[in-house]
Structure formats: structure tokens, C-alpha cells
Amino acid sequence: MPRHGKKAPEQDVIAELWPSQDAAKSVPLLKALHILTRDGQLNADSRRKLKQVLHLTQALRPSLDALLAEIEVPVLADLGAGKSYLGFVLYELILGPAGRGRVVSVETRAELVEASRRLAAEMGFDRMEFVSAPIAEAQLPGSVDMVTALHACDTATDDAIRFALRHKAKVIALVPCCQAEVAQLLKTEKGALHQLWRHPIQRREFGAHITNVIRGLVLEAHGYKVRVTELIGLEHSLKNELILAERHQQGNAQAKSELQRLIDQLGIKPALLDVMA
């Protein structure tokens, strides 16, 4: 207990950031994730990481609430999960209190998967599962209702889109990271628009932008309503574009046509276009 009636350091941190009235009970989880230090402090790097995860959690809450209202046991797949920060926080704040729903975290590094399994067991998070596999090779039985991919690098985000389409996900949330494929394709393309990417620094930025435009159109063509927003301020992360997609119909012919027109104008064919076959 803190002396002289003063609050423990972690209580100040939780009161500032954590969106829960009973925030103190989350302190053991945050310490286990090394977001809070042993003495309850939060360093600058952990603060940035926590803010990103909490912003994404709040952005996903309406969709998760809708899935919980519609489906008895909604399944959320977190791809390229790393240390599973996002999965643990979503479980702690939403699925845990709801008493329903499963989180499946997919991560290629076996040591991180094993560490997350141990932590889930310690926390009593019995509806969390962990799969050690690359996103492109991950096989989950049955349907998946929501797919998330936070900072999956380069074409790993495309693998997340393929996974979501294969499992007929109702909601997809992507925060792309480094993107090199399209910039490399543009390097040798000398079409009518090549002045837009002639210089390497502009080619990298333009390539990253076009990559996400194509991803949005691919999802729209598959019947999703797509919203692209800023996840968090640039002072916390330079990779802060959130692509949030919710399925509303089986397909969208206009989006498919717009996608094809864009591809024809650019003269490139990213690998993700295989989902349009």
C-alpha cells in the first residue's frame, strides 16, 4: 500500500491512459507485458506503444460490440502479433468482461508464442490461443469474424488481407508498416505518370501511398466498406494509417473497375492482385 494515503505510481499512469473504471486490476497484466516497469512507471517507448494499442482498441470497440451482439462466440485473429500486446489488451478490456469470444494470435517467432501462452495461462485468459506460423501459412479451422494486423511489414499486410478474405472476416483492421514492393515495381516503370516517382525518396513515399490505395480498393471490390484514418498522432508513430473495413455486400463492381483503371494507369501489378482472380 502507498504511504500517507498517496496513490501508487501505476495508479497515476492508469488513471491517465487506461479506459476502464476498474483500471487497477490491469496493473499485473501491464507489468507482465513490460509496458509498466516493476515500480509502476511508464517509459517513453512504452507510452507510445500503449497509446497506439489503446487507440486501435477504441477504434475496434464498436465493431467488436456489434459482433458480440450478433455472434455467440466471435473469433478475432491478430496476425503478426509479436508479443500479442493488442490481443491481450482487447481481451482485458472487451472480450474478458463480455465473457465470450476468442482471440487467436498468429506469430512466426516460436519464442514469442510460447511466452504469450505462459502469460495467458498466468492471467487466466483461457479464451486466448497462439499459433506459431507465418501469416501466409496460418490455418485456422472455421470462420474468423475479425482480423487485425498491427505493423505487419511490407507484403505481410497483404498476407493478412488474403487470410481475412479466405476466412470470410466481417471486420478487418490494418495498420501497415514498411512497404517496399510497389516502390520496387515503379523503379522500372516509365509510363506517363513516372515523374511522380522519378526520385527515390518520392518513389518510396508514393509507393507506400499507392500500396494502401490498392489495398482499400481490393477490399471494396470484395464488398467491404472501407474507412482510412489516422490511428494516432505522428509524434507517436510515423506508421499511423489505419485501414478499417467492414463487409456489407458480396462484391462491388464499381470498386473493381476503379482498381483496374488505376492499375492500367500505373502499369504495375502488385502480388495482392491475385485475390482478384
Protein backbone atom coordinates (compact mmCIF):
# COMPACT_ATOMS: atom_id res chain seq x y z
CA MET A 1 0.00 0.00 0.00
CA PRO A 2 1.28 3.54 -0.69
CA ARG A 3 2.30 5.52 2.40
CA HIS A 4 0.46 8.56 3.79
CA GLY A 5 -2.55 7.88 1.57
CA LYS A 6 -0.68 8.67 -1.64
CA LYS A 7 -1.54 6.82 -4.83
CA ALA A 8 0.91 4.25 -6.17
CA PRO A 9 2.74 5.41 -9.33
CA GLU A 10 0.87 2.91 -11.51
CA GLN A 11 -2.46 4.38 -10.40
CA ASP A 12 -1.47 7.76 -11.87
CA VAL A 13 -0.42 6.11 -15.14
CA ILE A 14 -3.58 4.02 -15.36
CA ALA A 15 -5.82 6.94 -14.50
CA GLU A 16 -4.22 8.93 -17.32
CA LEU A 17 -4.41 6.34 -20.09
CA TRP A 18 -6.46 3.26 -19.28
CA PRO A 19 -10.12 3.35 -20.42
CA SER A 20 -11.55 1.32 -17.53
CA GLN A 21 -13.17 2.27 -14.24
CA ASP A 22 -11.56 -0.71 -12.53
CA ALA A 23 -8.16 0.07 -14.01
CA ALA A 24 -6.06 -1.07 -11.05
CA LYS A 25 -6.82 -4.73 -11.79
CA SER A 26 -5.00 -4.39 -15.12
CA VAL A 27 -1.70 -3.42 -13.50
CA PRO A 28 -0.39 -7.04 -13.26
CA LEU A 29 -1.05 -7.56 -17.00
CA LEU A 30 0.68 -4.30 -17.96
CA LYS A 31 3.69 -5.19 -15.83
CA ALA A 32 3.83 -8.70 -17.32
CA LEU A 33 3.80 -7.16 -20.81
CA HIS A 34 6.65 -4.85 -19.68
CA ILE A 35 4.53 -1.82 -20.51
CA LEU A 36 4.71 -0.78 -16.86
CA THR A 37 8.02 -1.21 -15.05
CA ARG A 38 8.16 -3.14 -11.76
CA ASP A 39 7.77 0.09 -9.82
CA GLY A 40 4.78 1.15 -11.90
CA GLN A 41 6.45 3.63 -14.23
CA LEU A 42 5.95 4.05 -17.96
CA ASN A 43 8.90 5.00 -20.17
CA ALA A 44 8.53 6.99 -23.40
CA ASP A 45 8.73 3.97 -25.71
CA SER A 46 6.15 2.01 -23.72
CA ARG A 47 3.88 5.05 -23.57
CA ARG A 48 3.93 5.33 -27.38
CA LYS A 49 3.27 1.61 -27.77
CA LEU A 50 0.42 1.63 -25.25
CA LYS A 51 -1.21 4.69 -26.83
CA GLN A 52 -1.19 3.03 -30.25
CA VAL A 53 -2.76 -0.17 -28.92
CA LEU A 54 -5.36 1.73 -26.90
CA HIS A 55 -6.30 3.94 -29.86
CA LEU A 56 -6.77 0.84 -32.00
CA THR A 57 -8.76 -0.83 -29.23
CA GLN A 58 -11.12 2.14 -29.06
CA ALA A 59 -11.45 2.18 -32.87
CA LEU A 60 -12.35 -1.53 -32.84
CA ARG A 61 -14.72 -1.44 -29.87
CA PRO A 62 -17.89 -0.57 -31.88
CA SER A 63 -17.21 -3.38 -34.34
CA LEU A 64 -16.44 -5.86 -31.56
CA ASP A 65 -19.58 -4.84 -29.66
CA ALA A 66 -21.60 -5.41 -32.85
CA LEU A 67 -20.02 -8.86 -33.34
CA LEU A 68 -20.76 -9.78 -29.72
CA ALA A 69 -24.38 -8.77 -30.24
CA GLU A 70 -24.64 -10.86 -33.40
CA ILE A 71 -22.46 -13.93 -32.74
CA GLU A 72 -22.33 -16.17 -29.67
CA VAL A 73 -18.56 -16.76 -29.85
CA PRO A 74 -16.88 -14.22 -32.18
CA VAL A 75 -13.33 -15.09 -33.20
CA LEU A 76 -10.65 -12.42 -33.55
CA ALA A 77 -7.39 -13.29 -35.30
CA ASP A 78 -4.44 -10.98 -34.58
CA LEU A 79 -1.83 -11.56 -37.29
CA GLY A 80 1.87 -10.85 -36.97
CA ALA A 81 1.07 -10.48 -33.29
CA GLY A 82 4.59 -10.11 -31.91
CA LYS A 83 4.26 -10.12 -28.11
CA SER A 84 0.46 -10.05 -28.52
CA TYR A 85 0.01 -6.64 -26.88
CA LEU A 86 -3.12 -5.97 -28.93
CA GLY A 87 -4.69 -9.36 -28.25
CA PHE A 88 -4.09 -9.12 -24.51
CA VAL A 89 -5.49 -5.59 -24.30
CA LEU A 90 -8.58 -6.45 -26.38
CA TYR A 91 -9.21 -9.46 -24.15
CA GLU A 92 -8.66 -7.47 -20.95
CA LEU A 93 -10.89 -4.56 -21.92
CA ILE A 94 -13.58 -6.09 -24.15
CA LEU A 95 -13.77 -9.87 -24.55
CA GLY A 96 -12.87 -10.70 -20.96
CA PRO A 97 -15.63 -8.56 -19.42
CA ALA A 98 -18.07 -9.83 -22.09
CA GLY A 99 -17.40 -13.42 -21.04
CA ARG A 100 -17.45 -14.52 -24.67
CA GLY A 101 -15.28 -14.51 -27.76
CA ARG A 102 -11.86 -15.90 -28.62
CA VAL A 103 -8.56 -14.29 -29.58
CA VAL A 104 -6.16 -16.23 -31.80
CA SER A 105 -2.72 -14.65 -32.08
CA VAL A 106 -0.56 -15.70 -35.05
CA GLU A 107 3.18 -15.07 -34.83
CA THR A 108 6.09 -16.69 -36.65
CA ARG A 109 8.63 -16.43 -33.77
CA ALA A 110 8.12 -19.52 -31.61
CA GLU A 111 9.74 -17.97 -28.52
CA LEU A 112 7.22 -15.10 -28.51
CA VAL A 113 4.34 -17.52 -28.99
CA GLU A 114 5.48 -19.62 -26.02
CA ALA A 115 5.96 -16.56 -23.82
CA SER A 116 2.45 -15.36 -24.70
CA ARG A 117 0.98 -18.79 -23.91
CA ARG A 118 2.58 -18.70 -20.46
CA LEU A 119 1.29 -15.20 -19.80
CA ALA A 120 -2.25 -16.06 -20.90
CA ALA A 121 -2.21 -19.03 -18.52
CA GLU A 122 -0.93 -16.86 -15.66
CA MET A 123 -3.62 -14.24 -16.31
CA GLY A 124 -6.40 -16.83 -16.64
CA PHE A 125 -7.14 -15.74 -20.22
CA ASP A 126 -8.45 -19.15 -21.22
CA ARG A 127 -10.04 -17.94 -24.47
CA MET A 128 -6.74 -16.85 -25.98
CA GLU A 129 -4.91 -19.16 -28.37
CA PHE A 130 -1.50 -18.82 -30.00
CA VAL A 131 -0.34 -20.17 -33.36
CA SER A 132 3.30 -20.27 -34.43
CA ALA A 133 3.27 -19.75 -38.20
CA PRO A 134 3.83 -17.13 -40.90
CA ILE A 135 0.61 -15.30 -41.78
CA ALA A 136 0.58 -16.80 -45.27
CA GLU A 137 0.72 -20.35 -43.86
CA ALA A 138 -1.56 -19.99 -40.84
CA GLN A 139 -4.53 -22.35 -40.96
CA LEU A 140 -7.43 -21.77 -38.57
CA PRO A 141 -10.46 -24.06 -38.60
CA GLY A 142 -13.81 -22.42 -39.29
CA SER A 143 -14.56 -18.78 -39.89
CA VAL A 144 -12.86 -15.74 -38.37
CA ASP A 145 -15.02 -12.72 -37.62
CA MET A 146 -12.38 -10.01 -37.17
CA VAL A 147 -8.80 -9.83 -38.44
CA THR A 148 -6.24 -7.35 -37.14
CA ALA A 149 -2.67 -6.73 -38.27
CA LEU A 150 -0.74 -4.02 -36.43
CA HIS A 151 2.50 -3.02 -38.19
CA ALA A 152 2.83 -6.16 -40.32
CA CYS A 153 5.75 -5.19 -42.55
CA ASP A 154 5.65 -4.86 -46.35
CA THR A 155 3.67 -7.68 -48.01
CA ALA A 156 2.78 -9.28 -44.65
CA THR A 157 -0.16 -6.86 -44.60
CA ASP A 158 -1.22 -8.31 -47.96
CA ASP A 159 -0.97 -11.79 -46.43
CA ALA A 160 -3.32 -10.54 -43.71
CA ILE A 161 -5.80 -9.41 -46.37
CA ARG A 162 -5.62 -12.81 -48.08
CA PHE A 163 -6.14 -14.51 -44.72
CA ALA A 164 -9.16 -12.31 -43.96
CA LEU A 165 -10.75 -12.97 -47.35
CA ARG A 166 -10.09 -16.70 -47.07
CA HIS A 167 -11.77 -16.83 -43.65
CA LYS A 168 -14.62 -14.52 -44.71
CA ALA A 169 -13.89 -11.99 -41.96
CA LYS A 170 -16.63 -9.47 -41.29
CA VAL A 171 -14.19 -6.82 -40.00
CA ILE A 172 -10.58 -6.13 -40.99
CA ALA A 173 -8.28 -3.63 -39.27
CA LEU A 174 -4.84 -2.98 -40.75
CA VAL A 175 -2.06 -0.63 -39.68
CA PRO A 176 0.54 -1.16 -42.43
CA CYS A 177 4.25 -0.76 -41.81
CA CYS A 178 7.24 -0.60 -44.19
CA GLN A 179 6.13 -1.06 -47.80
CA ALA A 180 8.68 -1.76 -50.50
CA GLU A 181 7.06 -3.95 -53.16
CA VAL A 182 5.29 -1.25 -55.19
CA ALA A 183 8.25 1.15 -54.99
CA GLN A 184 10.43 -1.60 -56.47
CA LEU A 185 7.90 -2.21 -59.27
CA LEU A 186 7.76 1.52 -60.05
CA LYS A 187 11.55 1.67 -60.36
CA THR A 188 11.45 0.31 -63.91
CA GLU A 189 8.07 1.71 -64.95
CA LYS A 190 8.44 4.67 -67.35
CA GLY A 191 4.78 5.33 -68.13
CA ALA A 192 3.00 8.67 -68.48
CA LEU A 193 2.97 9.30 -64.72
CA HIS A 194 6.60 8.38 -63.99
CA GLN A 195 7.52 11.92 -62.91
CA LEU A 196 5.52 11.20 -59.74
CA TRP A 197 8.10 8.62 -58.65
CA ARG A 198 11.29 9.54 -60.53
CA HIS A 199 13.27 10.40 -57.39
CA PRO A 200 13.93 7.56 -54.91
CA ILE A 201 12.60 9.38 -51.85
CA GLN A 202 9.40 10.27 -53.69
CA ARG A 203 9.16 6.75 -55.09
CA ARG A 204 9.22 5.30 -51.57
CA GLU A 205 6.52 7.66 -50.32
CA PHE A 206 4.40 7.40 -53.44
CA GLY A 207 4.79 3.61 -53.46
CA ALA A 208 3.63 3.36 -49.84
CA HIS A 209 0.63 5.59 -50.55
CA ILE A 210 -0.36 3.67 -53.69
CA THR A 211 0.03 0.37 -51.83
CA ASN A 212 -2.62 1.38 -49.31
CA VAL A 213 -4.89 2.84 -52.00
CA ILE A 214 -4.76 -0.50 -53.82
CA ARG A 215 -5.45 -2.39 -50.59
CA GLY A 216 -8.51 -0.25 -49.93
CA LEU A 217 -9.86 -0.77 -53.44
CA VAL A 218 -9.25 -4.53 -53.24
CA LEU A 219 -11.29 -4.69 -50.04
CA GLU A 220 -14.05 -2.52 -51.52
CA ALA A 221 -14.17 -4.77 -54.58
CA HIS A 222 -14.80 -7.68 -52.21
CA GLY A 223 -17.78 -5.94 -50.66
CA TYR A 224 -16.23 -4.10 -47.71
CA LYS A 225 -16.98 -0.56 -46.68
CA VAL A 226 -13.53 0.93 -46.15
CA ARG A 227 -12.52 3.81 -43.91
CA VAL A 228 -8.93 5.10 -43.91
CA THR A 229 -7.97 7.32 -40.99
CA GLU A 230 -5.04 8.37 -38.83
CA LEU A 231 -4.53 5.91 -36.00
CA ILE A 232 -2.58 8.25 -33.74
CA GLY A 233 -0.57 11.47 -33.96
CA LEU A 234 2.70 11.47 -35.88
CA GLU A 235 4.56 12.27 -32.67
CA HIS A 236 3.81 8.71 -31.52
CA SER A 237 4.33 6.79 -34.77
CA LEU A 238 5.17 7.64 -38.40
CA LYS A 239 3.33 4.46 -39.46
CA ASN A 240 -0.13 5.53 -38.39
CA GLU A 241 -2.54 4.86 -41.24
CA LEU A 242 -5.50 2.73 -40.15
CA ILE A 243 -7.46 0.83 -42.80
CA LEU A 244 -10.74 -0.31 -41.24
CA ALA A 245 -13.03 -2.44 -43.41
CA GLU A 246 -16.47 -3.90 -42.64
CA ARG A 247 -18.21 -6.28 -45.01
CA HIS A 248 -21.56 -5.04 -46.31
CA GLN A 249 -22.07 -6.98 -49.55
CA GLN A 250 -20.65 -9.80 -51.65
CA GLY A 251 -18.83 -7.53 -54.10
CA ASN A 252 -18.58 -4.06 -55.62
CA ALA A 253 -18.27 -3.85 -59.41
CA GLN A 254 -17.52 -0.12 -59.38
CA ALA A 255 -14.58 -0.53 -57.00
CA LYS A 256 -13.29 -3.39 -59.11
CA SER A 257 -13.45 -1.17 -62.19
CA GLU A 258 -11.68 1.72 -60.40
CA LEU A 259 -8.96 -0.65 -59.25
CA GLN A 260 -8.36 -1.92 -62.77
CA ARG A 261 -8.24 1.62 -64.14
CA LEU A 262 -5.65 2.63 -61.53
CA ILE A 263 -3.51 -0.42 -62.29
CA ASP A 264 -3.67 0.30 -66.02
CA GLN A 265 -2.57 3.91 -65.45
CA LEU A 266 0.34 2.94 -63.21
CA GLY A 267 1.46 -0.02 -65.31
CA ILE A 268 2.27 -2.20 -62.30
CA LYS A 269 0.76 -5.38 -60.87
CA PRO A 270 1.38 -5.94 -57.15
CA ALA A 271 1.13 -9.54 -55.98
CA LEU A 272 -2.02 -8.76 -53.95
CA LEU A 273 -3.98 -8.61 -57.21
CA ASP A 274 -4.02 -12.43 -57.11
CA VAL A 275 -7.10 -12.15 -54.86
CA MET A 276 -8.98 -10.55 -57.78
CA ALA A 277 -8.63 -13.66 -59.96
